[in-house]
Amino acid sequence: MGREFLPLNPEADYSVSMLSDCSAIAQTPNEDQSVTPICRLYNQLAEVKSRKEEKSRQETYAKNREKAKEFQKKTLEKLRAKKTP
């Protein structure tokens, strides 16, 4: 089950936009559940890893801000309930 790959063209511009859909490709189930070598290498790049970590961090921050707002809202409701006889 060997795969044949075409040689890379040194004059071609292999930009990030060409590989930006690798995460989608990697998440879709293949017949043998394997990831293409290009996508695997792309996902191992330091820039891609740091971008994913930053996105994850931002999502975590957003969730924490939501929880803090909810907590503040509940706390204010409890305080107002205590003050009202």
PDB file of N, CA and C in Angstrom:
ATOM      1  N   MET A   1       0.846  -1.180   0.000  1.00  0.00           N
ATOM      2  CA  MET A   1       0.000   0.000   0.000  1.00  0.00           C
ATOM      3  C   MET A   1       0.887   1.237   0.000  1.00  0.00           C
ATOM      4  N   GLY A   2       1.782   1.323  -0.964  1.00  0.00           N
ATOM      5  CA  GLY A   2       2.684   2.458  -1.062  1.00  0.00           C
ATOM      6  C   GLY A   2       2.015   3.637  -1.734  1.00  0.00           C
ATOM      7  N   ARG A   3       2.378   4.797  -1.310  1.00  0.00           N
ATOM      8  CA  ARG A   3       1.837   6.016  -1.898  1.00  0.00           C
ATOM      9  C   ARG A   3       2.927   6.660  -2.718  1.00  0.00           C
ATOM     10  N   GLU A   4       2.532   7.232  -3.823  1.00  0.00           N
ATOM     11  CA  GLU A   4       3.480   7.902  -4.686  1.00  0.00           C
ATOM     12  C   GLU A   4       3.238   9.396  -4.572  1.00  0.00           C
ATOM     13  N   PHE A   5       4.283  10.140  -4.295  1.00  0.00           N
ATOM     14  CA  PHE A   5       4.168  11.576  -4.139  1.00  0.00           C
ATOM     15  C   PHE A   5       4.902  12.276  -5.264  1.00  0.00           C
ATOM     16  N   LEU A   6       4.316  13.357  -5.708  1.00  0.00           N
ATOM     17  CA  LEU A   6       4.970  14.169  -6.724  1.00  0.00           C
ATOM     18  C   LEU A   6       6.051  15.008  -6.067  1.00  0.00           C
ATOM     19  N   PRO A   7       7.158  15.255  -6.750  1.00  0.00           N
ATOM     20  CA  PRO A   7       8.190  16.109  -6.163  1.00  0.00           C
ATOM     21  C   PRO A   7       7.706  17.541  -6.057  1.00  0.00           C
ATOM     22  N   LEU A   8       8.164  18.246  -5.034  1.00  0.00           N
ATOM     23  CA  LEU A   8       7.774  19.629  -4.827  1.00  0.00           C
ATOM     24  C   LEU A   8       8.437  20.516  -5.869  1.00  0.00           C
ATOM     25  N   ASN A   9       7.700  21.489  -6.310  1.00  0.00           N
ATOM     26  CA  ASN A   9       8.216  22.449  -7.271  1.00  0.00           C
ATOM     27  C   ASN A   9       8.915  23.562  -6.504  1.00  0.00           C
ATOM     28  N   PRO A  10      10.224  23.746  -6.674  1.00  0.00           N
ATOM     29  CA  PRO A  10      10.932  24.784  -5.911  1.00  0.00           C
ATOM     30  C   PRO A  10      10.500  26.192  -6.272  1.00  0.00           C
ATOM     31  N   GLU A  11       9.886  26.357  -7.438  1.00  0.00           N
ATOM     32  CA  GLU A  11       9.460  27.696  -7.858  1.00  0.00           C
ATOM     33  C   GLU A  11       8.061  28.032  -7.360  1.00  0.00           C
ATOM     34  N   ALA A  12       7.337  27.039  -6.890  1.00  0.00           N
ATOM     35  CA  ALA A  12       5.963  27.265  -6.438  1.00  0.00           C
ATOM     36  C   ALA A  12       5.968  27.890  -5.046  1.00  0.00           C
ATOM     37  N   ASP A  13       4.916  28.651  -4.767  1.00  0.00           N
ATOM     38  CA  ASP A  13       4.767  29.295  -3.469  1.00  0.00           C
ATOM     39  C   ASP A  13       3.815  28.446  -2.630  1.00  0.00           C
ATOM     40  N   TYR A  14       4.372  27.662  -1.722  1.00  0.00           N
ATOM     41  CA  TYR A  14       3.555  26.840  -0.836  1.00  0.00           C
ATOM     42  C   TYR A  14       3.246  27.653   0.402  1.00  0.00           C
ATOM     43  N   SER A  15       2.136  28.337   0.365  1.00  0.00           N
ATOM     44  CA  SER A  15       1.794  29.231   1.462  1.00  0.00           C
ATOM     45  C   SER A  15       0.909  28.514   2.473  1.00  0.00           C
ATOM     46  N   VAL A  16       0.705  29.186   3.586  1.00  0.00           N
ATOM     47  CA  VAL A  16      -0.099  28.635   4.663  1.00  0.00           C
ATOM     48  C   VAL A  16      -1.545  28.460   4.215  1.00  0.00           C
ATOM     49  N   SER A  17      -2.017  29.324   3.335  1.00  0.00           N
ATOM     50  CA  SER A  17      -3.407  29.223   2.902  1.00  0.00           C
ATOM     51  C   SER A  17      -3.685  27.904   2.193  1.00  0.00           C
ATOM     52  N   MET A  18      -2.678  27.355   1.529  1.00  0.00           N
ATOM     53  CA  MET A  18      -2.864  26.068   0.864  1.00  0.00           C
ATOM     54  C   MET A  18      -3.062  24.957   1.881  1.00  0.00           C
ATOM     55  N   LEU A  19      -2.440  25.098   3.035  1.00  0.00           N
ATOM     56  CA  LEU A  19      -2.480  24.043   4.040  1.00  0.00           C
ATOM     57  C   LEU A  19      -3.429  24.346   5.189  1.00  0.00           C
ATOM     58  N   SER A  20      -4.125  25.460   5.115  1.00  0.00           N
ATOM     59  CA  SER A  20      -4.954  25.870   6.244  1.00  0.00           C
ATOM     60  C   SER A  20      -6.104  24.916   6.507  1.00  0.00           C
ATOM     61  N   ASP A  21      -6.481  24.131   5.521  1.00  0.00           N
ATOM     62  CA  ASP A  21      -7.582  23.205   5.727  1.00  0.00           C
ATOM     63  C   ASP A  21      -7.107  21.832   6.178  1.00  0.00           C
ATOM     64  N   CYS A  22      -5.858  21.710   6.563  1.00  0.00           N
ATOM     65  CA  CYS A  22      -5.325  20.423   7.016  1.00  0.00           C
ATOM     66  C   CYS A  22      -6.009  19.955   8.287  1.00  0.00           C
ATOM     67  N   SER A  23      -6.361  20.874   9.151  1.00  0.00           N
ATOM     68  CA  SER A  23      -7.029  20.454  10.379  1.00  0.00           C
ATOM     69  C   SER A  23      -8.386  19.844  10.052  1.00  0.00           C
ATOM     70  N   ALA A  24      -9.074  20.392   9.059  1.00  0.00           N
ATOM     71  CA  ALA A  24     -10.356  19.830   8.656  1.00  0.00           C
ATOM     72  C   ALA A  24     -10.155  18.463   8.010  1.00  0.00           C
ATOM     73  N   ILE A  25      -9.107  18.339   7.224  1.00  0.00           N
ATOM     74  CA  ILE A  25      -8.823  17.056   6.586  1.00  0.00           C
ATOM     75  C   ILE A  25      -8.478  16.022   7.649  1.00  0.00           C
ATOM     76  N   ALA A  26      -7.699  16.431   8.624  1.00  0.00           N
ATOM     77  CA  ALA A  26      -7.273  15.508   9.665  1.00  0.00           C
ATOM     78  C   ALA A  26      -8.452  15.050  10.520  1.00  0.00           C
ATOM     79  N   GLN A  27      -9.491  15.871  10.623  1.00  0.00           N
ATOM     80  CA  GLN A  27     -10.618  15.521  11.470  1.00  0.00           C
ATOM     81  C   GLN A  27     -11.652  14.661  10.746  1.00  0.00           C
ATOM     82  N   THR A  28     -11.647  14.686   9.413  1.00  0.00           N
ATOM     83  CA  THR A  28     -12.600  13.867   8.689  1.00  0.00           C
ATOM     84  C   THR A  28     -12.077  12.443   8.625  1.00  0.00           C
ATOM     85  N   PRO A  29     -12.936  11.475   8.882  1.00  0.00           N
ATOM     86  CA  PRO A  29     -12.461  10.088   8.895  1.00  0.00           C
ATOM     87  C   PRO A  29     -12.105   9.611   7.491  1.00  0.00           C
ATOM     88  N   ASN A  30     -10.931   9.057   7.357  1.00  0.00           N
ATOM     89  CA  ASN A  30     -10.463   8.476   6.108  1.00  0.00           C
ATOM     90  C   ASN A  30     -10.799   7.002   6.107  1.00  0.00           C
ATOM     91  N   GLU A  31     -10.534   6.343   4.993  1.00  0.00           N
ATOM     92  CA  GLU A  31     -10.798   4.911   4.929  1.00  0.00           C
ATOM     93  C   GLU A  31      -9.920   4.153   5.907  1.00  0.00           C
ATOM     94  N   ASP A  32      -8.703   4.624   6.135  1.00  0.00           N
ATOM     95  CA  ASP A  32      -7.812   3.934   7.074  1.00  0.00           C
ATOM     96  C   ASP A  32      -7.430   4.826   8.256  1.00  0.00           C
ATOM     97  N   GLN A  33      -8.178   5.919   8.461  1.00  0.00           N
ATOM     98  CA  GLN A  33      -7.984   6.831   9.593  1.00  0.00           C
ATOM     99  C   GLN A  33      -6.569   7.410   9.661  1.00  0.00           C
ATOM    100  N   SER A  34      -5.926   7.590   8.530  1.00  0.00           N
ATOM    101  CA  SER A  34      -4.585   8.165   8.540  1.00  0.00           C
ATOM    102  C   SER A  34      -4.638   9.619   8.094  1.00  0.00           C
ATOM    103  N   VAL A  35      -3.652  10.364   8.512  1.00  0.00           N
ATOM    104  CA  VAL A  35      -3.545  11.771   8.164  1.00  0.00           C
ATOM    105  C   VAL A  35      -2.515  11.884   7.057  1.00  0.00           C
ATOM    106  N   THR A  36      -2.774  12.770   6.119  1.00  0.00           N
ATOM    107  CA  THR A  36      -1.818  12.925   5.031  1.00  0.00           C
ATOM    108  C   THR A  36      -0.494  13.417   5.592  1.00  0.00           C
ATOM    109  N   PRO A  37       0.610  12.997   5.017  1.00  0.00           N
ATOM    110  CA  PRO A  37       1.923  13.409   5.536  1.00  0.00           C
ATOM    111  C   PRO A  37       2.115  14.922   5.543  1.00  0.00           C
ATOM    112  N   ILE A  38       1.592  15.606   4.542  1.00  0.00           N
ATOM    113  CA  ILE A  38       1.744  17.061   4.476  1.00  0.00           C
ATOM    114  C   ILE A  38       1.033  17.710   5.650  1.00  0.00           C
ATOM    115  N   CYS A  39      -0.184  17.264   5.933  1.00  0.00           N
ATOM    116  CA  CYS A  39      -0.940  17.844   7.044  1.00  0.00           C
ATOM    117  C   CYS A  39      -0.265  17.548   8.373  1.00  0.00           C
ATOM    118  N   ARG A  40       0.252  16.351   8.521  1.00  0.00           N
ATOM    119  CA  ARG A  40       0.932  16.003   9.769  1.00  0.00           C
ATOM    120  C   ARG A  40       2.143  16.896   9.965  1.00  0.00           C
ATOM    121  N   LEU A  41       2.918  17.097   8.910  1.00  0.00           N
ATOM    122  CA  LEU A  41       4.090  17.964   9.010  1.00  0.00           C
ATOM    123  C   LEU A  41       3.679  19.414   9.264  1.00  0.00           C
ATOM    124  N   TYR A  42       2.613  19.844   8.603  1.00  0.00           N
ATOM    125  CA  TYR A  42       2.122  21.205   8.788  1.00  0.00           C
ATOM    126  C   TYR A  42       1.702  21.428  10.241  1.00  0.00           C
ATOM    127  N   ASN A  43       0.995  20.456  10.811  1.00  0.00           N
ATOM    128  CA  ASN A  43       0.524  20.587  12.191  1.00  0.00           C
ATOM    129  C   ASN A  43       1.655  20.510  13.200  1.00  0.00           C
ATOM    130  N   GLN A  44       2.821  20.023  12.792  1.00  0.00           N
ATOM    131  CA  GLN A  44       3.967  19.965  13.695  1.00  0.00           C
ATOM    132  C   GLN A  44       4.793  21.251  13.679  1.00  0.00           C
ATOM    133  N   LEU A  45       4.492  22.172  12.783  1.00  0.00           N
ATOM    134  CA  LEU A  45       5.234  23.426  12.724  1.00  0.00           C
ATOM    135  C   LEU A  45       5.026  24.218  14.014  1.00  0.00           C
ATOM    136  N   ALA A  46       6.088  24.868  14.454  1.00  0.00           N
ATOM    137  CA  ALA A  46       6.019  25.642  15.701  1.00  0.00           C
ATOM    138  C   ALA A  46       4.985  26.756  15.601  1.00  0.00           C
ATOM    139  N   GLU A  47       4.913  27.401  14.448  1.00  0.00           N
ATOM    140  CA  GLU A  47       3.959  28.493  14.257  1.00  0.00           C
ATOM    141  C   GLU A  47       2.523  27.986  14.380  1.00  0.00           C
ATOM    142  N   VAL A  48       2.257  26.833  13.818  1.00  0.00           N
ATOM    143  CA  VAL A  48       0.907  26.262  13.866  1.00  0.00           C
ATOM    144  C   VAL A  48       0.575  25.842  15.289  1.00  0.00           C
ATOM    145  N   LYS A  49       1.531  25.214  15.964  1.00  0.00           N
ATOM    146  CA  LYS A  49       1.304  24.801  17.356  1.00  0.00           C
ATOM    147  C   LYS A  49       1.016  26.003  18.239  1.00  0.00           C
ATOM    148  N   SER A  50       1.815  27.068  18.069  1.00  0.00           N
ATOM    149  CA  SER A  50       1.612  28.252  18.910  1.00  0.00           C
ATOM    150  C   SER A  50       0.279  28.915  18.595  1.00  0.00           C
ATOM    151  N   ARG A  51      -0.142  28.903  17.327  1.00  0.00           N
ATOM    152  CA  ARG A  51      -1.431  29.479  16.956  1.00  0.00           C
ATOM    153  C   ARG A  51      -2.572  28.697  17.590  1.00  0.00           C
ATOM    154  N   LYS A  52      -2.466  27.364  17.580  1.00  0.00           N
ATOM    155  CA  LYS A  52      -3.501  26.526  18.199  1.00  0.00           C
ATOM    156  C   LYS A  52      -3.546  26.743  19.703  1.00  0.00           C
ATOM    157  N   GLU A  53      -2.365  26.847  20.336  1.00  0.00           N
ATOM    158  CA  GLU A  53      -2.321  27.089  21.776  1.00  0.00           C
ATOM    159  C   GLU A  53      -2.933  28.440  22.111  1.00  0.00           C
ATOM    160  N   GLU A  54      -2.638  29.453  21.301  1.00  0.00           N
ATOM    161  CA  GLU A  54      -3.186  30.788  21.535  1.00  0.00           C
ATOM    162  C   GLU A  54      -4.713  30.770  21.388  1.00  0.00           C
ATOM    163  N   LYS A  55      -5.205  30.061  20.390  1.00  0.00           N
ATOM    164  CA  LYS A  55      -6.652  29.959  20.193  1.00  0.00           C
ATOM    165  C   LYS A  55      -7.299  29.259  21.381  1.00  0.00           C
ATOM    166  N   SER A  56      -6.674  28.194  21.845  1.00  0.00           N
ATOM    167  CA  SER A  56      -7.189  27.459  22.995  1.00  0.00           C
ATOM    168  C   SER A  56      -7.188  28.344  24.235  1.00  0.00           C
ATOM    169  N   ARG A  57      -6.117  29.099  24.413  1.00  0.00           N
ATOM    170  CA  ARG A  57      -6.002  30.003  25.562  1.00  0.00           C
ATOM    171  C   ARG A  57      -7.094  31.065  25.513  1.00  0.00           C
ATOM    172  N   GLN A  58      -7.332  31.632  24.331  1.00  0.00           N
ATOM    173  CA  GLN A  58      -8.361  32.659  24.192  1.00  0.00           C
ATOM    174  C   GLN A  58      -9.748  32.095  24.496  1.00  0.00           C
ATOM    175  N   GLU A  59      -9.996  30.860  24.041  1.00  0.00           N
ATOM    176  CA  GLU A  59     -11.286  30.230  24.335  1.00  0.00           C
ATOM    177  C   GLU A  59     -11.456  30.001  25.834  1.00  0.00           C
ATOM    178  N   THR A  60     -10.374  29.591  26.482  1.00  0.00           N
ATOM    179  CA  THR A  60     -10.424  29.381  27.930  1.00  0.00           C
ATOM    180  C   THR A  60     -10.689  30.696  28.653  1.00  0.00           C
ATOM    181  N   TYR A  61     -10.017  31.769  28.228  1.00  0.00           N
ATOM    182  CA  TYR A  61     -10.237  33.079  28.829  1.00  0.00           C
ATOM    183  C   TYR A  61     -11.688  33.515  28.660  1.00  0.00           C
ATOM    184  N   ALA A  62     -12.250  33.292  27.485  1.00  0.00           N
ATOM    185  CA  ALA A  62     -13.635  33.689  27.226  1.00  0.00           C
ATOM    186  C   ALA A  62     -14.595  32.916  28.140  1.00  0.00           C
ATOM    187  N   LYS A  63     -14.343  31.624  28.307  1.00  0.00           N
ATOM    188  CA  LYS A  63     -15.193  30.816  29.193  1.00  0.00           C
ATOM    189  C   LYS A  63     -15.081  31.313  30.632  1.00  0.00           C
ATOM    190  N   ASN A  64     -13.865  31.623  31.059  1.00  0.00           N
ATOM    191  CA  ASN A  64     -13.677  32.107  32.428  1.00  0.00           C
ATOM    192  C   ASN A  64     -14.353  33.451  32.645  1.00  0.00           C
ATOM    193  N   ARG A  65     -14.308  34.328  31.635  1.00  0.00           N
ATOM    194  CA  ARG A  65     -14.994  35.618  31.760  1.00  0.00           C
ATOM    195  C   ARG A  65     -16.502  35.409  31.889  1.00  0.00           C
ATOM    196  N   GLU A  66     -17.046  34.468  31.113  1.00  0.00           N
ATOM    197  CA  GLU A  66     -18.472  34.161  31.200  1.00  0.00           C
ATOM    198  C   GLU A  66     -18.834  33.652  32.594  1.00  0.00           C
ATOM    199  N   LYS A  67     -18.008  32.752  33.123  1.00  0.00           N
ATOM    200  CA  LYS A  67     -18.259  32.216  34.464  1.00  0.00           C
ATOM    201  C   LYS A  67     -18.191  33.316  35.513  1.00  0.00           C
ATOM    202  N   ALA A  68     -17.231  34.237  35.350  1.00  0.00           N
ATOM    203  CA  ALA A  68     -17.092  35.336  36.306  1.00  0.00           C
ATOM    204  C   ALA A  68     -18.314  36.246  36.261  1.00  0.00           C
ATOM    205  N   LYS A  69     -18.809  36.528  35.071  1.00  0.00           N
ATOM    206  CA  LYS A  69     -20.008  37.361  34.943  1.00  0.00           C
ATOM    207  C   LYS A  69     -21.204  36.682  35.599  1.00  0.00           C
ATOM    208  N   GLU A  70     -21.338  35.385  35.370  1.00  0.00           N
ATOM    209  CA  GLU A  70     -22.442  34.637  35.957  1.00  0.00           C
ATOM    210  C   GLU A  70     -22.346  34.627  37.483  1.00  0.00           C
ATOM    211  N   PHE A  71     -21.140  34.425  37.999  1.00  0.00           N
ATOM    212  CA  PHE A  71     -20.925  34.428  39.446  1.00  0.00           C
ATOM    213  C   PHE A  71     -21.263  35.794  40.043  1.00  0.00           C
ATOM    214  N   GLN A  72     -20.802  36.863  39.374  1.00  0.00           N
ATOM    215  CA  GLN A  72     -21.078  38.208  39.867  1.00  0.00           C
ATOM    216  C   GLN A  72     -22.582  38.476  39.869  1.00  0.00           C
ATOM    217  N   LYS A  73     -23.250  38.021  38.823  1.00  0.00           N
ATOM    218  CA  LYS A  73     -24.700  38.216  38.727  1.00  0.00           C
ATOM    219  C   LYS A  73     -25.421  37.505  39.869  1.00  0.00           C
ATOM    220  N   LYS A  74     -25.045  36.258  40.144  1.00  0.00           N
ATOM    221  CA  LYS A  74     -25.669  35.499  41.223  1.00  0.00           C
ATOM    222  C   LYS A  74     -25.366  36.117  42.581  1.00  0.00           C
ATOM    223  N   THR A  75     -24.142  36.573  42.766  1.00  0.00           N
ATOM    224  CA  THR A  75     -23.751  37.192  44.037  1.00  0.00           C
ATOM    225  C   THR A  75     -24.547  38.462  44.277  1.00  0.00           C
ATOM    226  N   LEU A  76     -24.700  39.287  43.239  1.00  0.00           N
ATOM    227  CA  LEU A  76     -25.490  40.511  43.385  1.00  0.00           C
ATOM    228  C   LEU A  76     -26.944  40.186  43.703  1.00  0.00           C
ATOM    229  N   GLU A  77     -27.481  39.153  43.074  1.00  0.00           N
ATOM    230  CA  GLU A  77     -28.855  38.752  43.376  1.00  0.00           C
ATOM    231  C   GLU A  77     -29.018  38.331  44.824  1.00  0.00           C
ATOM    232  N   LYS A  78     -28.040  37.597  45.347  1.00  0.00           N
ATOM    233  CA  LYS A  78     -28.086  37.177  46.754  1.00  0.00           C
ATOM    234  C   LYS A  78     -27.995  38.362  47.690  1.00  0.00           C
ATOM    235  N   LEU A  79     -27.115  39.318  47.363  1.00  0.00           N
ATOM    236  CA  LEU A  79     -26.989  40.514  48.201  1.00  0.00           C
ATOM    237  C   LEU A  79     -28.270  41.323  48.209  1.00  0.00           C
ATOM    238  N   ARG A  80     -28.863  41.464  47.048  1.00  0.00           N
ATOM    239  CA  ARG A  80     -30.119  42.236  46.946  1.00  0.00           C
ATOM    240  C   ARG A  80     -31.241  41.508  47.693  1.00  0.00           C
ATOM    241  N   ALA A  81     -31.219  40.191  47.677  1.00  0.00           N
ATOM    242  CA  ALA A  81     -32.240  39.427  48.388  1.00  0.00           C
ATOM    243  C   ALA A  81     -32.086  39.605  49.890  1.00  0.00           C
ATOM    244  N   LYS A  82     -30.843  39.692  50.379  1.00  0.00           N
ATOM    245  CA  LYS A  82     -30.614  39.899  51.813  1.00  0.00           C
ATOM    246  C   LYS A  82     -31.071  41.286  52.247  1.00  0.00           C
ATOM    247  N   LYS A  83     -30.819  42.293  51.412  1.00  0.00           N
ATOM    248  CA  LYS A  83     -31.152  43.662  51.792  1.00  0.00           C
ATOM    249  C   LYS A  83     -32.659  43.907  51.758  1.00  0.00           C
ATOM    250  N   THR A  84     -33.364  43.208  50.892  1.00  0.00           N
ATOM    251  CA  THR A  84     -34.816  43.380  50.790  1.00  0.00           C
ATOM    252  C   THR A  84     -35.495  42.506  51.838  1.00  0.00           C
ATOM    253  N   PRO A  85     -36.296  43.124  52.719  1.00  0.00           N
ATOM    254  CA  PRO A  85     -36.975  42.331  53.772  1.00  0.00           C
ATOM    255  C   PRO A  85     -38.123  41.533  53.246  1.00  0.00           C
TER     256      PRO A  85
END
